[in-house]
Amino acid sequence: MIVDLHLHNKTVLVIGGGIEGSRKGRGLLDQNCKIIVITNRMNRYLTSLQMQHEISVIKSKLTDAERFLDNSEDLFLLIAATNDRVLNRTLVDKGRQMRAFAYAADDPQYSDFSYHNFKTWLPGWYFNIRAKPNISPKDKNKRGTCFK
């Protein structure tokens, strides 16, 4: 079942600015939500998005992210995309305590939902480009599910 979280004007926190965190953040850009990325290192892509005012970036140690969560009141969605599985689970637990939806990039079974990349195909139609295990990496974008 596909559920749209309706992220319009909601606050989304992505913790981790590596490849996976950047990928998850990119998937949120067309959702008209406030995207905050906490990262201990910047890459060109994140810098570009920050300069275009598409996202806000907090440069900090990822272990300090939990402290940042203590001061967040309107968090709707938390995406933990660090390279530390234990930290990701800790962040997901903290997000749940705050009554936010939470997702661990390296542990989907521990998450509140499954994260897919959806692209608008036609107005009102979306294309799911989620790769299945039996699809080779070079063919993953050739298959998907179209739904309205």
C-alpha atoms as a PDB file:
ATOM      1  CA  MET A   1       0.000   0.000   0.000  1.00  0.00           C
ATOM      2  CA  ILE A   2       1.280   3.461  -0.877  1.00  0.00           C
ATOM      3  CA  VAL A   3       0.725   6.161   1.724  1.00  0.00           C
ATOM      4  CA  ASP A   4       1.452   9.801   1.013  1.00  0.00           C
ATOM      5  CA  LEU A   5       2.733  11.501   4.162  1.00  0.00           C
ATOM      6  CA  HIS A   6       1.691  14.974   2.902  1.00  0.00           C
ATOM      7  CA  LEU A   7       4.929  16.718   3.754  1.00  0.00           C
ATOM      8  CA  HIS A   8       3.787  20.144   2.522  1.00  0.00           C
ATOM      9  CA  ASN A   9       4.998  22.781   5.030  1.00  0.00           C
ATOM     10  CA  LYS A  10       6.252  20.077   7.409  1.00  0.00           C
ATOM     11  CA  THR A  11       9.748  19.833   8.902  1.00  0.00           C
ATOM     12  CA  VAL A  12      11.932  16.945   7.777  1.00  0.00           C
ATOM     13  CA  LEU A  13      15.281  16.245   9.393  1.00  0.00           C
ATOM     14  CA  VAL A  14      17.910  14.244   7.498  1.00  0.00           C
ATOM     15  CA  ILE A  15      20.808  13.214   9.711  1.00  0.00           C
ATOM     16  CA  GLY A  16      23.868  12.327   7.646  1.00  0.00           C
ATOM     17  CA  GLY A  17      25.072  14.117   4.542  1.00  0.00           C
ATOM     18  CA  GLY A  18      26.857  11.287   2.753  1.00  0.00           C
ATOM     19  CA  ILE A  19      25.642   9.539  -0.379  1.00  0.00           C
ATOM     20  CA  GLU A  20      22.548   8.026   1.241  1.00  0.00           C
ATOM     21  CA  GLY A  21      21.579  11.172   3.157  1.00  0.00           C
ATOM     22  CA  SER A  22      21.971  13.275   0.010  1.00  0.00           C
ATOM     23  CA  ARG A  23      19.887  10.793  -1.955  1.00  0.00           C
ATOM     24  CA  LYS A  24      17.081  10.807   0.609  1.00  0.00           C
ATOM     25  CA  GLY A  25      17.153  14.606   0.785  1.00  0.00           C
ATOM     26  CA  ARG A  26      17.005  14.886  -3.009  1.00  0.00           C
ATOM     27  CA  GLY A  27      13.873  12.717  -2.994  1.00  0.00           C
ATOM     28  CA  LEU A  28      12.161  15.266  -0.753  1.00  0.00           C
ATOM     29  CA  LEU A  29      12.891  18.410  -2.761  1.00  0.00           C
ATOM     30  CA  ASP A  30       9.597  18.435  -4.664  1.00  0.00           C
ATOM     31  CA  GLN A  31       7.503  17.888  -1.506  1.00  0.00           C
ATOM     32  CA  ASN A  32       7.430  21.582  -0.475  1.00  0.00           C
ATOM     33  CA  CYS A  33       8.695  20.758   2.999  1.00  0.00           C
ATOM     34  CA  LYS A  34      11.349  22.331   5.184  1.00  0.00           C
ATOM     35  CA  ILE A  35      14.419  20.089   4.861  1.00  0.00           C
ATOM     36  CA  ILE A  36      17.136  20.330   7.499  1.00  0.00           C
ATOM     37  CA  VAL A  37      20.299  18.288   7.039  1.00  0.00           C
ATOM     38  CA  ILE A  38      22.670  17.649   9.921  1.00  0.00           C
ATOM     39  CA  THR A  39      26.081  16.589   8.659  1.00  0.00           C
ATOM     40  CA  ASN A  40      29.676  16.626   9.784  1.00  0.00           C
ATOM     41  CA  ARG A  41      30.925  17.150   6.239  1.00  0.00           C
ATOM     42  CA  MET A  42      29.624  19.062   3.258  1.00  0.00           C
ATOM     43  CA  ASN A  43      29.700  17.934  -0.348  1.00  0.00           C
ATOM     44  CA  ARG A  44      29.153  19.989  -3.492  1.00  0.00           C
ATOM     45  CA  TYR A  45      25.573  18.822  -3.873  1.00  0.00           C
ATOM     46  CA  LEU A  46      24.520  19.851  -0.361  1.00  0.00           C
ATOM     47  CA  THR A  47      26.410  23.131  -0.663  1.00  0.00           C
ATOM     48  CA  SER A  48      24.588  23.876  -3.920  1.00  0.00           C
ATOM     49  CA  LEU A  49      21.175  23.117  -2.388  1.00  0.00           C
ATOM     50  CA  GLN A  50      21.984  25.271   0.625  1.00  0.00           C
ATOM     51  CA  MET A  51      23.061  28.194  -1.574  1.00  0.00           C
ATOM     52  CA  GLN A  52      19.784  27.869  -3.536  1.00  0.00           C
ATOM     53  CA  HIS A  53      17.854  27.912  -0.220  1.00  0.00           C
ATOM     54  CA  GLU A  54      16.394  24.477  -0.993  1.00  0.00           C
ATOM     55  CA  ILE A  55      17.630  23.036   2.315  1.00  0.00           C
ATOM     56  CA  SER A  56      19.061  24.200   5.617  1.00  0.00           C
ATOM     57  CA  VAL A  57      22.320  22.640   6.747  1.00  0.00           C
ATOM     58  CA  ILE A  58      23.614  22.336  10.278  1.00  0.00           C
ATOM     59  CA  LYS A  59      27.271  21.379  10.288  1.00  0.00           C
ATOM     60  CA  SER A  60      27.784  19.400  13.449  1.00  0.00           C
ATOM     61  CA  LYS A  61      29.021  16.107  14.797  1.00  0.00           C
ATOM     62  CA  LEU A  62      26.406  13.485  14.049  1.00  0.00           C
ATOM     63  CA  THR A  63      26.506  12.339  17.658  1.00  0.00           C
ATOM     64  CA  ASP A  64      25.240  15.814  18.612  1.00  0.00           C
ATOM     65  CA  ALA A  65      22.115  15.277  16.494  1.00  0.00           C
ATOM     66  CA  GLU A  66      20.261  13.779  19.438  1.00  0.00           C
ATOM     67  CA  ARG A  67      20.831  17.021  21.364  1.00  0.00           C
ATOM     68  CA  PHE A  68      19.414  18.962  18.415  1.00  0.00           C
ATOM     69  CA  LEU A  69      16.315  16.752  18.523  1.00  0.00           C
ATOM     70  CA  ASP A  70      15.741  17.762  22.140  1.00  0.00           C
ATOM     71  CA  ASN A  71      15.196  21.335  20.894  1.00  0.00           C
ATOM     72  CA  SER A  72      12.989  20.444  17.909  1.00  0.00           C
ATOM     73  CA  GLU A  73       9.293  20.842  18.497  1.00  0.00           C
ATOM     74  CA  ASP A  74       7.670  20.626  15.081  1.00  0.00           C
ATOM     75  CA  LEU A  75       9.524  17.660  13.596  1.00  0.00           C
ATOM     76  CA  PHE A  76       7.311  15.549  11.326  1.00  0.00           C
ATOM     77  CA  LEU A  77       9.805  13.159   9.722  1.00  0.00           C
ATOM     78  CA  LEU A  78      13.287  12.036  10.710  1.00  0.00           C
ATOM     79  CA  ILE A  79      15.624  10.205   8.324  1.00  0.00           C
ATOM     80  CA  ALA A  80      18.701   8.708   9.978  1.00  0.00           C
ATOM     81  CA  ALA A  81      21.307   8.167   7.253  1.00  0.00           C
ATOM     82  CA  THR A  82      24.589   7.987   9.120  1.00  0.00           C
ATOM     83  CA  ASN A  83      27.172   5.238   8.685  1.00  0.00           C
ATOM     84  CA  ASP A  84      26.555   4.065  12.271  1.00  0.00           C
ATOM     85  CA  ARG A  85      23.698   1.566  12.610  1.00  0.00           C
ATOM     86  CA  VAL A  86      23.496   1.942  16.404  1.00  0.00           C
ATOM     87  CA  LEU A  87      23.308   5.742  16.114  1.00  0.00           C
ATOM     88  CA  ASN A  88      20.615   5.441  13.419  1.00  0.00           C
ATOM     89  CA  ARG A  89      18.500   3.236  15.694  1.00  0.00           C
ATOM     90  CA  THR A  90      19.011   5.650  18.593  1.00  0.00           C
ATOM     91  CA  LEU A  91      17.888   8.542  16.388  1.00  0.00           C
ATOM     92  CA  VAL A  92      14.848   6.611  15.147  1.00  0.00           C
ATOM     93  CA  ASP A  93      13.868   5.851  18.753  1.00  0.00           C
ATOM     94  CA  LYS A  94      14.269   9.522  19.666  1.00  0.00           C
ATOM     95  CA  GLY A  95      12.144  10.533  16.662  1.00  0.00           C
ATOM     96  CA  ARG A  96       9.414   8.133  17.742  1.00  0.00           C
ATOM     97  CA  GLN A  97       9.483   9.594  21.264  1.00  0.00           C
ATOM     98  CA  MET A  98       8.848  12.956  19.635  1.00  0.00           C
ATOM     99  CA  ARG A  99       5.876  11.426  17.768  1.00  0.00           C
ATOM    100  CA  ALA A 100       7.561  11.904  14.383  1.00  0.00           C
ATOM    101  CA  PHE A 101       7.751   9.361  11.602  1.00  0.00           C
ATOM    102  CA  ALA A 102      11.237   7.857  11.581  1.00  0.00           C
ATOM    103  CA  TYR A 103      13.339   6.019   8.994  1.00  0.00           C
ATOM    104  CA  ALA A 104      16.780   4.398   9.299  1.00  0.00           C
ATOM    105  CA  ALA A 105      18.465   4.220   5.891  1.00  0.00           C
ATOM    106  CA  ASP A 106      20.473   1.126   6.803  1.00  0.00           C
ATOM    107  CA  ASP A 107      17.660  -0.650   8.675  1.00  0.00           C
ATOM    108  CA  PRO A 108      14.279  -0.421   6.884  1.00  0.00           C
ATOM    109  CA  GLN A 109      12.746  -3.116   9.097  1.00  0.00           C
ATOM    110  CA  TYR A 110      13.347  -0.913  12.138  1.00  0.00           C
ATOM    111  CA  SER A 111      11.743   2.070  10.407  1.00  0.00           C
ATOM    112  CA  ASP A 112       8.157   3.296  10.517  1.00  0.00           C
ATOM    113  CA  PHE A 113       7.771   3.045   6.741  1.00  0.00           C
ATOM    114  CA  SER A 114       9.536   1.963   3.582  1.00  0.00           C
ATOM    115  CA  TYR A 115      11.160   4.802   1.677  1.00  0.00           C
ATOM    116  CA  HIS A 116      10.796   4.798  -2.101  1.00  0.00           C
ATOM    117  CA  ASN A 117      11.897   7.270  -4.728  1.00  0.00           C
ATOM    118  CA  PHE A 118       8.863   8.602  -6.536  1.00  0.00           C
ATOM    119  CA  LYS A 119       9.059  10.820  -9.555  1.00  0.00           C
ATOM    120  CA  THR A 120       6.174  12.756 -11.038  1.00  0.00           C
ATOM    121  CA  TRP A 121       5.361  11.335 -14.428  1.00  0.00           C
ATOM    122  CA  LEU A 122       2.217  13.266 -15.344  1.00  0.00           C
ATOM    123  CA  PRO A 123       0.164  15.506 -13.058  1.00  0.00           C
ATOM    124  CA  GLY A 124      -1.306  13.201 -10.428  1.00  0.00           C
ATOM    125  CA  TRP A 125       0.738  10.189 -11.610  1.00  0.00           C
ATOM    126  CA  TYR A 126       3.904   8.974  -9.955  1.00  0.00           C
ATOM    127  CA  PHE A 127       6.561   6.503 -11.033  1.00  0.00           C
ATOM    128  CA  ASN A 128       8.121   4.273  -8.389  1.00  0.00           C
ATOM    129  CA  ILE A 129      11.766   3.546  -9.217  1.00  0.00           C
ATOM    130  CA  ARG A 130      12.444   1.269  -6.257  1.00  0.00           C
ATOM    131  CA  ALA A 131      14.919  -1.424  -7.194  1.00  0.00           C
ATOM    132  CA  LYS A 132      14.013  -5.025  -6.443  1.00  0.00           C
ATOM    133  CA  PRO A 133      16.721  -7.458  -5.311  1.00  0.00           C
ATOM    134  CA  ASN A 134      16.620  -9.452  -8.542  1.00  0.00           C
ATOM    135  CA  ILE A 135      17.222  -6.398 -10.747  1.00  0.00           C
ATOM    136  CA  SER A 136      20.775  -5.567 -11.654  1.00  0.00           C
ATOM    137  CA  PRO A 137      21.950  -2.052 -10.659  1.00  0.00           C
ATOM    138  CA  LYS A 138      22.197  -0.933 -14.285  1.00  0.00           C
ATOM    139  CA  ASP A 139      18.567  -1.945 -14.937  1.00  0.00           C
ATOM    140  CA  LYS A 140      17.014  -0.628 -11.714  1.00  0.00           C
ATOM    141  CA  ASN A 141      15.632   2.525 -13.329  1.00  0.00           C
ATOM    142  CA  LYS A 142      14.074   0.594 -16.205  1.00  0.00           C
ATOM    143  CA  ARG A 143      11.478  -1.092 -14.010  1.00  0.00           C
ATOM    144  CA  GLY A 144       9.003   0.394 -11.670  1.00  0.00           C
ATOM    145  CA  THR A 145       5.378   0.783 -10.828  1.00  0.00           C
ATOM    146  CA  CYS A 146       3.145   3.487 -12.186  1.00  0.00           C
ATOM    147  CA  PHE A 147       0.184   4.562 -10.058  1.00  0.00           C
ATOM    148  CA  LYS A 148      -2.167   7.436  -9.555  1.00  0.00           C
END
